[in-house]
N, C-alpha and C. Protein backbone atom coordinates (compact mmCIF):
# COMPACT_ATOMS: atom_id res chain seq x y z
N MET A 1 -4.09 13.09 -15.79
CA MET A 1 -4.16 11.57 -15.28
C MET A 1 -4.31 10.01 -15.87
N ARG A 2 -3.49 9.06 -15.85
CA ARG A 2 -3.66 8.60 -16.43
C ARG A 2 -3.49 6.88 -15.06
N VAL A 3 -4.76 6.12 -16.04
CA VAL A 3 -4.74 4.98 -14.30
C VAL A 3 -4.29 3.65 -14.79
N ILE A 4 -3.25 3.08 -13.75
CA ILE A 4 -3.01 1.87 -15.11
C ILE A 4 -3.80 0.66 -14.44
N ALA A 5 -4.35 -0.05 -13.71
CA ALA A 5 -5.44 -1.28 -13.20
C ALA A 5 -4.96 -2.52 -13.85
N ALA A 6 -5.13 -3.96 -13.14
CA ALA A 6 -4.68 -5.04 -12.80
C ALA A 6 -6.09 -5.44 -12.31
N THR A 7 -6.37 -6.28 -12.57
CA THR A 7 -7.69 -7.33 -11.80
C THR A 7 -7.55 -9.32 -12.29
N ASN A 8 -7.61 -9.65 -11.21
CA ASN A 8 -7.32 -11.22 -11.39
C ASN A 8 -9.20 -11.74 -11.75
N ARG A 9 -10.25 -10.86 -11.90
CA ARG A 9 -11.05 -11.01 -12.64
C ARG A 9 -11.74 -11.02 -13.47
N LYS A 10 -13.16 -11.19 -14.01
CA LYS A 10 -13.89 -10.70 -15.29
C LYS A 10 -14.31 -9.76 -15.15
N LEU A 11 -13.70 -8.41 -15.85
CA LEU A 11 -14.70 -7.34 -15.32
C LEU A 11 -16.39 -7.58 -16.25
N SER A 12 -16.15 -8.25 -17.08
CA SER A 12 -17.46 -8.35 -18.16
C SER A 12 -18.40 -8.74 -17.21
N ASP A 13 -17.99 -9.69 -16.54
CA ASP A 13 -18.89 -11.00 -15.57
C ASP A 13 -18.63 -9.32 -14.77
N ALA A 14 -18.01 -9.32 -13.74
CA ALA A 14 -18.79 -8.43 -12.86
C ALA A 14 -19.64 -7.78 -13.17
N LEU A 15 -19.77 -6.97 -14.27
CA LEU A 15 -20.65 -6.10 -15.06
C LEU A 15 -22.08 -6.51 -14.65
N LYS A 16 -22.29 -7.96 -15.50
CA LYS A 16 -23.62 -8.76 -15.83
C LYS A 16 -23.94 -8.52 -14.66
N GLU A 17 -23.37 -9.27 -13.65
CA GLU A 17 -24.01 -9.25 -12.00
C GLU A 17 -23.83 -8.09 -11.41
N GLY A 18 -23.49 -6.73 -11.67
CA GLY A 18 -24.26 -6.04 -11.23
C GLY A 18 -23.14 -5.52 -10.07
N SER A 19 -21.87 -6.19 -10.23
CA SER A 19 -21.25 -5.46 -8.80
C SER A 19 -19.88 -4.26 -9.16
N PHE A 20 -20.13 -4.54 -10.17
CA PHE A 20 -18.55 -3.32 -11.12
C PHE A 20 -19.31 -2.47 -11.67
N ARG A 21 -19.15 -1.27 -11.01
CA ARG A 21 -19.55 -0.12 -11.73
C ARG A 21 -19.66 0.46 -13.34
N GLU A 22 -20.60 0.06 -14.48
CA GLU A 22 -19.98 0.55 -15.66
C GLU A 22 -19.33 1.62 -15.53
N ASP A 23 -19.35 2.97 -15.30
CA ASP A 23 -19.48 4.26 -15.97
C ASP A 23 -17.49 3.93 -15.79
N LEU A 24 -17.39 3.42 -14.61
CA LEU A 24 -16.25 3.01 -14.01
C LEU A 24 -15.53 2.00 -15.15
N TYR A 25 -15.43 1.49 -15.37
CA TYR A 25 -15.66 0.54 -16.14
C TYR A 25 -14.77 0.91 -17.58
N TYR A 26 -15.76 1.60 -18.09
CA TYR A 26 -16.22 2.32 -19.44
C TYR A 26 -14.51 3.42 -19.49
N ARG A 27 -14.27 3.71 -18.02
CA ARG A 27 -13.48 4.85 -17.93
C ARG A 27 -12.46 4.11 -17.70
N LEU A 28 -11.85 3.37 -17.22
CA LEU A 28 -10.57 2.50 -17.08
C LEU A 28 -10.57 1.92 -18.26
N ASN A 29 -11.43 0.97 -18.84
CA ASN A 29 -11.70 0.20 -19.87
C ASN A 29 -10.61 0.71 -21.28
N ALA A 30 -9.96 2.20 -21.15
CA ALA A 30 -9.69 3.36 -22.66
C ALA A 30 -8.60 2.22 -23.34
N VAL A 31 -7.73 2.40 -23.06
CA VAL A 31 -6.81 1.45 -23.76
C VAL A 31 -6.34 -0.19 -22.53
N ARG A 32 -6.73 -1.00 -23.50
CA ARG A 32 -6.36 -2.85 -22.68
C ARG A 32 -5.62 -2.76 -23.32
N ILE A 33 -4.65 -3.67 -21.97
CA ILE A 33 -3.41 -4.24 -22.43
C ILE A 33 -3.38 -5.28 -22.27
N SER A 34 -3.09 -6.57 -22.80
CA SER A 34 -3.24 -7.82 -22.20
C SER A 34 -2.39 -8.38 -22.35
N LEU A 35 -1.77 -8.45 -20.97
CA LEU A 35 -0.63 -9.39 -20.20
C LEU A 35 -0.50 -10.96 -20.35
N PRO A 36 -0.07 -11.70 -20.94
CA PRO A 36 0.39 -13.37 -20.97
C PRO A 36 1.31 -13.56 -19.34
N PRO A 37 0.18 -15.19 -19.25
CA PRO A 37 0.71 -15.40 -18.40
C PRO A 37 2.52 -15.69 -18.28
N LEU A 38 3.09 -15.89 -17.03
CA LEU A 38 4.60 -15.60 -16.89
C LEU A 38 5.09 -17.22 -18.00
N ARG A 39 4.12 -18.26 -17.42
CA ARG A 39 4.47 -19.09 -18.57
C ARG A 39 4.26 -19.40 -19.72
N GLU A 40 3.69 -18.27 -20.51
CA GLU A 40 3.34 -18.10 -21.60
C GLU A 40 4.73 -16.88 -22.13
N ARG A 41 5.35 -16.45 -21.67
CA ARG A 41 6.85 -15.73 -21.97
C ARG A 41 8.07 -15.86 -21.09
N PRO A 42 8.42 -17.26 -21.19
CA PRO A 42 10.08 -17.73 -20.54
C PRO A 42 10.86 -16.78 -21.39
N GLU A 43 10.70 -16.71 -21.86
CA GLU A 43 12.38 -14.80 -21.90
C GLU A 43 12.57 -14.26 -21.41
N ASP A 44 10.66 -14.35 -20.36
CA ASP A 44 10.62 -13.35 -19.43
C ASP A 44 11.49 -13.25 -17.66
N ILE A 45 10.77 -14.92 -18.10
CA ILE A 45 11.40 -15.44 -16.76
C ILE A 45 13.52 -15.16 -16.22
N LEU A 46 14.47 -15.49 -17.16
CA LEU A 46 15.43 -14.79 -16.77
C LEU A 46 15.69 -13.82 -16.44
N LEU A 47 15.14 -12.58 -17.05
CA LEU A 47 15.39 -11.25 -16.77
C LEU A 47 14.37 -11.20 -15.82
N LEU A 48 13.38 -11.54 -14.84
CA LEU A 48 12.85 -11.86 -13.56
C LEU A 48 13.73 -12.21 -12.39
N VAL A 49 13.89 -12.78 -12.48
CA VAL A 49 15.07 -14.08 -11.74
C VAL A 49 16.47 -12.53 -11.72
N HIS A 50 17.11 -11.85 -12.61
CA HIS A 50 18.10 -11.21 -11.81
C HIS A 50 17.74 -9.74 -11.26
N HIS A 51 16.16 -9.34 -11.93
CA HIS A 51 15.61 -8.25 -10.92
C HIS A 51 15.37 -8.50 -9.79
N PHE A 52 15.06 -9.31 -9.62
CA PHE A 52 14.59 -10.40 -8.28
C PHE A 52 15.40 -10.37 -6.99
N THR A 53 16.26 -10.91 -8.00
CA THR A 53 17.74 -10.58 -7.26
C THR A 53 18.92 -10.01 -6.72
N LYS A 54 18.69 -9.07 -7.72
CA LYS A 54 18.97 -7.78 -7.53
C LYS A 54 18.57 -6.68 -6.59
N ARG A 55 17.00 -6.69 -6.65
CA ARG A 55 16.24 -6.16 -5.47
C ARG A 55 16.53 -6.64 -4.33
N PHE A 56 16.94 -7.56 -3.58
CA PHE A 56 16.79 -8.18 -2.50
C PHE A 56 18.06 -8.94 -1.48
N THR A 57 19.07 -8.40 -2.92
CA THR A 57 20.30 -8.16 -2.00
C THR A 57 20.77 -6.28 -2.49
N ASN A 58 20.16 -6.09 -2.39
CA ASN A 58 20.79 -4.07 -2.54
C ASN A 58 21.41 -4.11 -3.71
N ASN A 59 21.17 -4.54 -4.98
CA ASN A 59 22.46 -4.57 -5.79
C ASN A 59 23.96 -5.02 -5.51
N VAL A 60 23.38 -6.26 -4.87
CA VAL A 60 25.11 -6.82 -4.93
C VAL A 60 24.65 -8.07 -5.20
N ASP A 61 25.77 -7.94 -6.09
CA ASP A 61 25.67 -9.55 -7.37
C ASP A 61 25.73 -10.85 -6.66
N VAL A 62 24.83 -11.95 -7.04
CA VAL A 62 24.84 -13.28 -6.40
C VAL A 62 25.00 -13.75 -7.28
N ASP A 63 25.86 -14.69 -7.50
CA ASP A 63 25.80 -16.14 -8.41
C ASP A 63 24.23 -17.02 -8.21
N ILE A 64 24.12 -17.65 -10.06
CA ILE A 64 23.09 -18.78 -9.53
C ILE A 64 23.06 -19.71 -10.15
N ASP A 65 23.68 -21.41 -9.20
CA ASP A 65 23.81 -22.28 -10.32
C ASP A 65 22.78 -23.13 -11.27
N PRO A 66 24.00 -23.24 -12.32
CA PRO A 66 23.06 -23.57 -13.60
C PRO A 66 21.49 -24.31 -13.28
N GLU A 67 22.47 -25.11 -12.49
CA GLU A 67 21.08 -25.63 -12.14
C GLU A 67 19.38 -25.34 -11.50
N ALA A 68 20.17 -24.98 -10.75
CA ALA A 68 18.89 -23.65 -10.30
C ALA A 68 18.48 -22.88 -11.05
N LEU A 69 18.93 -22.44 -12.16
CA LEU A 69 18.68 -21.32 -13.16
C LEU A 69 17.72 -22.04 -13.79
N LYS A 70 17.91 -23.56 -14.61
CA LYS A 70 17.51 -24.53 -15.18
C LYS A 70 15.76 -24.48 -14.72
N LEU A 71 15.59 -25.10 -13.48
CA LEU A 71 14.37 -25.45 -12.74
C LEU A 71 13.65 -24.20 -12.95
N LEU A 72 14.28 -22.57 -12.44
CA LEU A 72 13.45 -21.70 -12.86
C LEU A 72 12.78 -21.14 -13.46
N THR A 73 13.35 -21.77 -14.94
CA THR A 73 13.58 -21.20 -16.48
C THR A 73 12.21 -22.41 -16.83
N SER A 74 12.76 -23.81 -16.62
CA SER A 74 11.15 -24.50 -16.80
C SER A 74 10.27 -24.86 -15.65
N TYR A 75 10.20 -24.15 -14.90
CA TYR A 75 8.79 -24.47 -14.14
C TYR A 75 7.51 -23.47 -14.49
N PRO A 76 6.74 -23.64 -14.54
CA PRO A 76 5.04 -23.29 -14.83
C PRO A 76 5.19 -21.70 -14.14
N TRP A 77 5.00 -21.31 -13.42
CA TRP A 77 5.12 -20.58 -12.77
C TRP A 77 3.26 -19.85 -12.92
N LEU A 78 2.35 -20.80 -12.19
CA LEU A 78 0.91 -20.98 -12.04
C LEU A 78 0.54 -20.04 -11.67
N GLY A 79 1.48 -19.07 -10.46
CA GLY A 79 1.18 -18.05 -9.46
C GLY A 79 1.61 -16.77 -10.63
N ASN A 80 2.22 -16.87 -11.86
CA ASN A 80 3.12 -15.47 -11.95
C ASN A 80 4.09 -14.88 -11.63
N VAL A 81 4.35 -13.47 -12.16
CA VAL A 81 5.51 -13.03 -11.30
C VAL A 81 5.57 -13.12 -9.75
N ARG A 82 4.18 -12.97 -9.16
CA ARG A 82 4.42 -13.15 -7.74
C ARG A 82 5.02 -14.20 -6.75
N GLU A 83 4.91 -15.38 -7.32
CA GLU A 83 4.84 -16.30 -6.95
C GLU A 83 7.15 -16.65 -7.55
N LEU A 84 7.25 -15.75 -8.83
CA LEU A 84 8.55 -15.99 -8.61
C LEU A 84 9.40 -15.15 -7.82
N GLU A 85 8.73 -13.89 -7.24
CA GLU A 85 9.16 -12.69 -6.68
C GLU A 85 9.11 -13.53 -5.29
N ASN A 86 8.51 -14.40 -5.03
CA ASN A 86 8.33 -15.05 -3.27
C ASN A 86 9.52 -16.14 -3.35
N VAL A 87 9.57 -16.83 -4.45
CA VAL A 87 10.33 -17.89 -4.21
C VAL A 87 11.63 -17.09 -4.75
N MET A 88 12.10 -15.95 -5.46
CA MET A 88 13.69 -15.33 -5.24
C MET A 88 13.80 -14.43 -3.90
N GLU A 89 13.06 -14.20 -3.34
CA GLU A 89 13.21 -13.50 -1.93
C GLU A 89 13.34 -14.78 -0.84
N ARG A 90 12.99 -15.78 -0.94
CA ARG A 90 13.36 -17.36 -0.22
C ARG A 90 14.62 -17.18 -0.80
N ALA A 91 14.94 -17.48 -1.61
CA ALA A 91 16.17 -18.03 -2.30
C ALA A 91 17.86 -17.36 -1.62
N VAL A 92 16.94 -15.91 -1.82
CA VAL A 92 18.13 -15.21 -1.33
C VAL A 92 18.51 -15.10 -0.12
N LEU A 93 17.36 -14.95 0.67
CA LEU A 93 17.28 -15.18 2.03
C LEU A 93 18.41 -16.82 2.67
N LEU A 94 18.20 -17.37 2.03
CA LEU A 94 18.90 -18.83 2.07
C LEU A 94 19.67 -19.17 1.62
N ALA A 95 20.25 -18.44 0.53
CA ALA A 95 21.84 -18.32 -0.25
C ALA A 95 22.81 -17.85 0.66
N LYS A 96 24.01 -18.48 0.76
CA LYS A 96 24.93 -18.20 1.60
C LYS A 96 26.16 -18.06 0.77
N HIS A 97 27.06 -17.68 0.98
CA HIS A 97 28.19 -16.82 -0.05
C HIS A 97 28.31 -16.31 -0.86
N GLY A 98 26.97 -15.46 -1.29
CA GLY A 98 26.40 -14.73 -2.63
C GLY A 98 26.01 -16.30 -3.67
N LYS A 99 25.67 -16.93 -3.31
CA LYS A 99 25.21 -18.59 -4.50
C LYS A 99 23.85 -19.14 -4.51
N ILE A 100 22.99 -18.49 -5.17
CA ILE A 100 21.49 -19.56 -5.03
C ILE A 100 21.81 -20.99 -6.06
N GLU A 101 21.99 -22.12 -4.74
CA GLU A 101 21.77 -22.83 -5.62
C GLU A 101 20.44 -23.68 -5.06
N VAL A 102 20.29 -24.99 -5.73
CA VAL A 102 18.91 -26.10 -6.53
C VAL A 102 18.54 -26.14 -4.54
N SER A 103 19.40 -26.13 -3.34
CA SER A 103 18.35 -26.31 -2.56
C SER A 103 17.85 -25.41 -1.77
N HIS A 104 18.24 -23.76 -2.23
CA HIS A 104 17.89 -23.01 -1.80
C HIS A 104 16.69 -22.55 -2.58
N LEU A 105 15.92 -23.40 -3.48
CA LEU A 105 14.03 -23.25 -4.19
C LEU A 105 13.43 -24.27 -3.42
N PRO A 106 11.94 -23.53 -3.62
CA PRO A 106 11.39 -24.61 -2.88
C PRO A 106 10.56 -25.83 -3.76
N PRO A 107 10.69 -26.96 -2.61
CA PRO A 107 10.13 -28.55 -3.20
C PRO A 107 9.67 -28.23 -4.56
N GLU A 108 8.54 -27.60 -4.94
CA GLU A 108 7.37 -28.10 -6.27
C GLU A 108 8.75 -27.55 -7.68
N LEU A 109 9.77 -27.09 -7.00
CA LEU A 109 10.51 -26.14 -8.42
C LEU A 109 11.54 -27.79 -8.49
N LYS A 110 11.88 -28.72 -7.78
CA LYS A 110 13.10 -29.40 -7.63
C LYS A 110 12.24 -31.14 -8.51
N ASN A 111 10.89 -31.05 -8.31
CA ASN A 111 10.80 -32.11 -9.07
C ASN A 111 9.85 -31.87 -10.26
N PRO A 112 10.19 -31.35 -11.71
CA PRO A 112 9.51 -30.86 -12.82
C PRO A 112 8.94 -32.24 -13.28
N ALA A 113 8.62 -33.78 -13.26
CA ALA A 113 8.39 -34.57 -13.59
C ALA A 113 6.77 -34.57 -13.53
N SER A 114 7.14 -34.27 -12.23
CA SER A 114 5.84 -34.70 -11.28
C SER A 114 4.74 -33.28 -11.16
N LEU A 115 5.16 -32.25 -11.59
CA LEU A 115 4.21 -30.74 -12.31
C LEU A 115 4.22 -31.06 -13.86
N LYS A 116 4.65 -32.18 -14.51
CA LYS A 116 4.18 -32.32 -15.69
C LYS A 116 3.06 -33.22 -15.30
N ALA A 117 3.17 -34.16 -14.46
CA ALA A 117 2.27 -34.96 -14.69
C ALA A 117 0.78 -34.41 -14.24
N GLY A 118 1.07 -33.05 -13.82
CA GLY A 118 0.37 -32.73 -12.68
C GLY A 118 0.08 -32.97 -11.14
N LEU A 119 0.69 -33.68 -10.97
CA LEU A 119 1.09 -33.96 -9.28
C LEU A 119 2.02 -33.28 -8.72
N LEU A 120 1.86 -33.04 -7.89
CA LEU A 120 2.28 -32.11 -6.77
C LEU A 120 2.79 -32.59 -5.79
N SER A 121 3.83 -32.39 -4.63
CA SER A 121 4.30 -32.55 -3.27
C SER A 121 2.76 -31.69 -2.51
N LEU A 122 2.76 -32.33 -1.28
CA LEU A 122 1.80 -31.91 -0.73
C LEU A 122 2.01 -30.28 0.19
N GLU A 123 3.41 -30.24 0.46
CA GLU A 123 4.05 -29.03 0.80
C GLU A 123 3.85 -27.76 -0.48
N ALA A 124 3.59 -28.62 -1.49
CA ALA A 124 4.22 -27.72 -2.86
C ALA A 124 2.46 -26.79 -2.84
N MET A 125 1.40 -27.96 -3.14
CA MET A 125 0.38 -28.21 -3.32
C MET A 125 -0.41 -27.11 -2.21
N GLU A 126 0.55 -26.74 -1.30
CA GLU A 126 -0.16 -26.16 0.35
C GLU A 126 0.49 -24.62 0.25
N SER A 127 1.25 -24.60 -0.56
CA SER A 127 2.30 -22.96 -1.03
C SER A 127 1.35 -22.66 -1.53
N LEU A 128 1.40 -23.57 -2.93
CA LEU A 128 0.40 -22.76 -3.65
C LEU A 128 -1.01 -22.42 -3.57
N HIS A 129 -1.40 -23.55 -2.67
CA HIS A 129 -3.26 -23.26 -2.23
C HIS A 129 -3.85 -21.91 -1.52
N ILE A 130 -2.10 -21.72 -0.67
CA ILE A 130 -2.21 -20.58 0.06
C ILE A 130 -1.77 -19.16 0.26
N THR A 131 -0.76 -19.10 -1.11
CA THR A 131 -0.34 -18.47 -2.11
C THR A 131 -2.00 -17.78 -3.18
N ARG A 132 -2.31 -18.61 -4.04
CA ARG A 132 -4.12 -18.51 -4.18
C ARG A 132 -5.13 -18.23 -3.33
N VAL A 133 -5.16 -18.16 -2.27
CA VAL A 133 -6.13 -17.84 -1.40
C VAL A 133 -5.77 -16.11 -1.18
N LEU A 134 -4.71 -16.32 -0.63
CA LEU A 134 -4.09 -14.52 0.10
C LEU A 134 -4.30 -13.49 -1.21
N ARG A 135 -4.26 -14.29 -2.81
CA ARG A 135 -4.85 -12.53 -3.73
C ARG A 135 -6.02 -13.03 -4.07
N VAL A 136 -6.98 -13.37 -2.96
CA VAL A 136 -8.49 -13.14 -3.59
C VAL A 136 -8.84 -12.99 -2.12
N VAL A 137 -8.42 -13.40 -0.64
CA VAL A 137 -9.29 -13.08 -0.05
C VAL A 137 -8.74 -10.93 0.70
N LYS A 138 -9.79 -10.30 1.05
CA LYS A 138 -9.13 -9.03 1.55
C LYS A 138 -7.86 -8.88 3.07
N ASP A 139 -7.99 -9.77 4.09
CA ASP A 139 -7.00 -9.85 4.68
C ASP A 139 -6.28 -11.24 5.50
N LEU A 140 -5.83 -11.21 6.17
CA LEU A 140 -4.87 -12.43 6.53
C LEU A 140 -6.04 -13.12 7.89
N ASP A 141 -6.85 -12.35 8.39
CA ASP A 141 -7.57 -13.18 9.32
C ASP A 141 -9.06 -13.89 8.47
N GLU A 142 -9.15 -13.18 7.33
CA GLU A 142 -9.93 -13.73 6.35
C GLU A 142 -9.57 -15.35 5.84
N ALA A 143 -8.05 -14.51 5.24
CA ALA A 143 -7.36 -15.92 4.45
C ALA A 143 -7.42 -17.39 5.60
N ALA A 144 -6.90 -17.28 7.08
CA ALA A 144 -6.96 -18.08 7.91
C ALA A 144 -8.30 -18.46 8.07
N ARG A 145 -9.51 -17.98 8.13
CA ARG A 145 -11.08 -18.33 8.17
C ARG A 145 -11.05 -19.52 6.78
N PHE A 146 -11.09 -19.05 5.99
CA PHE A 146 -11.06 -19.63 4.71
C PHE A 146 -10.36 -20.54 4.55
N LEU A 147 -8.98 -21.39 5.53
CA LEU A 147 -8.22 -22.36 5.10
C LEU A 147 -8.52 -23.34 6.24
N GLY A 148 -10.05 -22.77 7.44
CA GLY A 148 -9.84 -23.65 8.48
C GLY A 148 -8.91 -23.51 9.43
N ILE A 149 -7.95 -22.50 8.85
CA ILE A 149 -6.64 -22.47 10.38
C ILE A 149 -6.63 -21.68 10.74
N ASP A 150 -5.72 -21.62 12.03
CA ASP A 150 -5.44 -20.27 12.96
C ASP A 150 -4.49 -19.29 12.34
N PRO A 151 -4.59 -17.76 12.71
CA PRO A 151 -3.97 -16.87 11.91
C PRO A 151 -2.58 -17.13 12.30
N ALA A 152 -2.28 -17.57 13.27
CA ALA A 152 -0.75 -18.26 13.97
C ALA A 152 0.01 -19.50 13.20
N THR A 153 -0.79 -20.29 13.07
CA THR A 153 -0.93 -21.09 11.75
C THR A 153 -0.43 -21.05 9.82
N LEU A 154 -1.38 -19.69 10.43
CA LEU A 154 -1.00 -19.32 9.21
C LEU A 154 0.36 -18.71 8.82
N TRP A 155 0.26 -17.91 10.28
CA TRP A 155 1.76 -17.30 10.37
C TRP A 155 3.05 -17.63 9.61
N ARG A 156 3.21 -18.70 10.02
CA ARG A 156 4.16 -19.93 10.19
C ARG A 156 4.17 -20.39 8.84
N LYS A 157 3.12 -20.95 8.10
CA LYS A 157 3.09 -21.30 6.93
C LYS A 157 3.53 -20.42 5.74
N ARG A 158 3.59 -19.34 5.94
CA ARG A 158 3.85 -18.17 4.74
C ARG A 158 5.41 -17.73 5.31
N LYS A 159 5.87 -18.59 6.50
CA LYS A 159 7.21 -17.92 7.12
C LYS A 159 7.80 -19.16 6.51
N LYS A 160 6.93 -20.11 6.84
CA LYS A 160 8.09 -21.15 6.02
C LYS A 160 8.06 -21.41 4.34
N TYR A 161 7.24 -21.26 3.27
CA TYR A 161 6.98 -21.59 2.51
C TYR A 161 7.68 -19.89 1.59
N GLY A 162 7.73 -18.86 2.38
CA GLY A 162 8.70 -17.58 1.72
C GLY A 162 6.82 -16.65 1.41
N ILE A 163 6.35 -16.86 1.16
CA ILE A 163 4.71 -16.33 1.10
C ILE A 163 4.28 -14.53 1.72
N LYS A 164 4.82 -13.98 0.36
CA LYS A 164 4.14 -12.58 1.35
C LYS A 164 3.16 -12.28 0.88
N ASP A 165 1.94 -11.31 1.71
CA ASP A 165 0.56 -10.49 1.33
C ASP A 165 0.55 -10.83 -0.03
């Protein structure tokens, strides 16, 4: 049996703190695969866009507006593949007549100049922050408490931004 595992935490630090078992670490660490973030692999973005489009349309061909594709490939994807997956699911749901257009993309993708300057719209910042919190916490109730909002508000915001668990 082979186990492939991923984490967003530094296991070496967890070992030092004593919050991760040393024997388990060495069993899992037999072969280490380093996967750079999506922003360092722009050649993978187009492949993933088509993969997610087919997945969310049950293999129905969907056209993507060239301008929308340009925005998708130039975005830095701080949330990595999971963020791209969420964006594509949203785009497919909003697309009509089998074509994804710029209007189907979230606001943070539409203003690349502000991204380069490190500036995000309030909606983009909120969406990014909620996505990051959901990656770290154990459940939605804990996420709502951490964010200081009601669970129903978190549900509405996740729906608005197309954020999955």
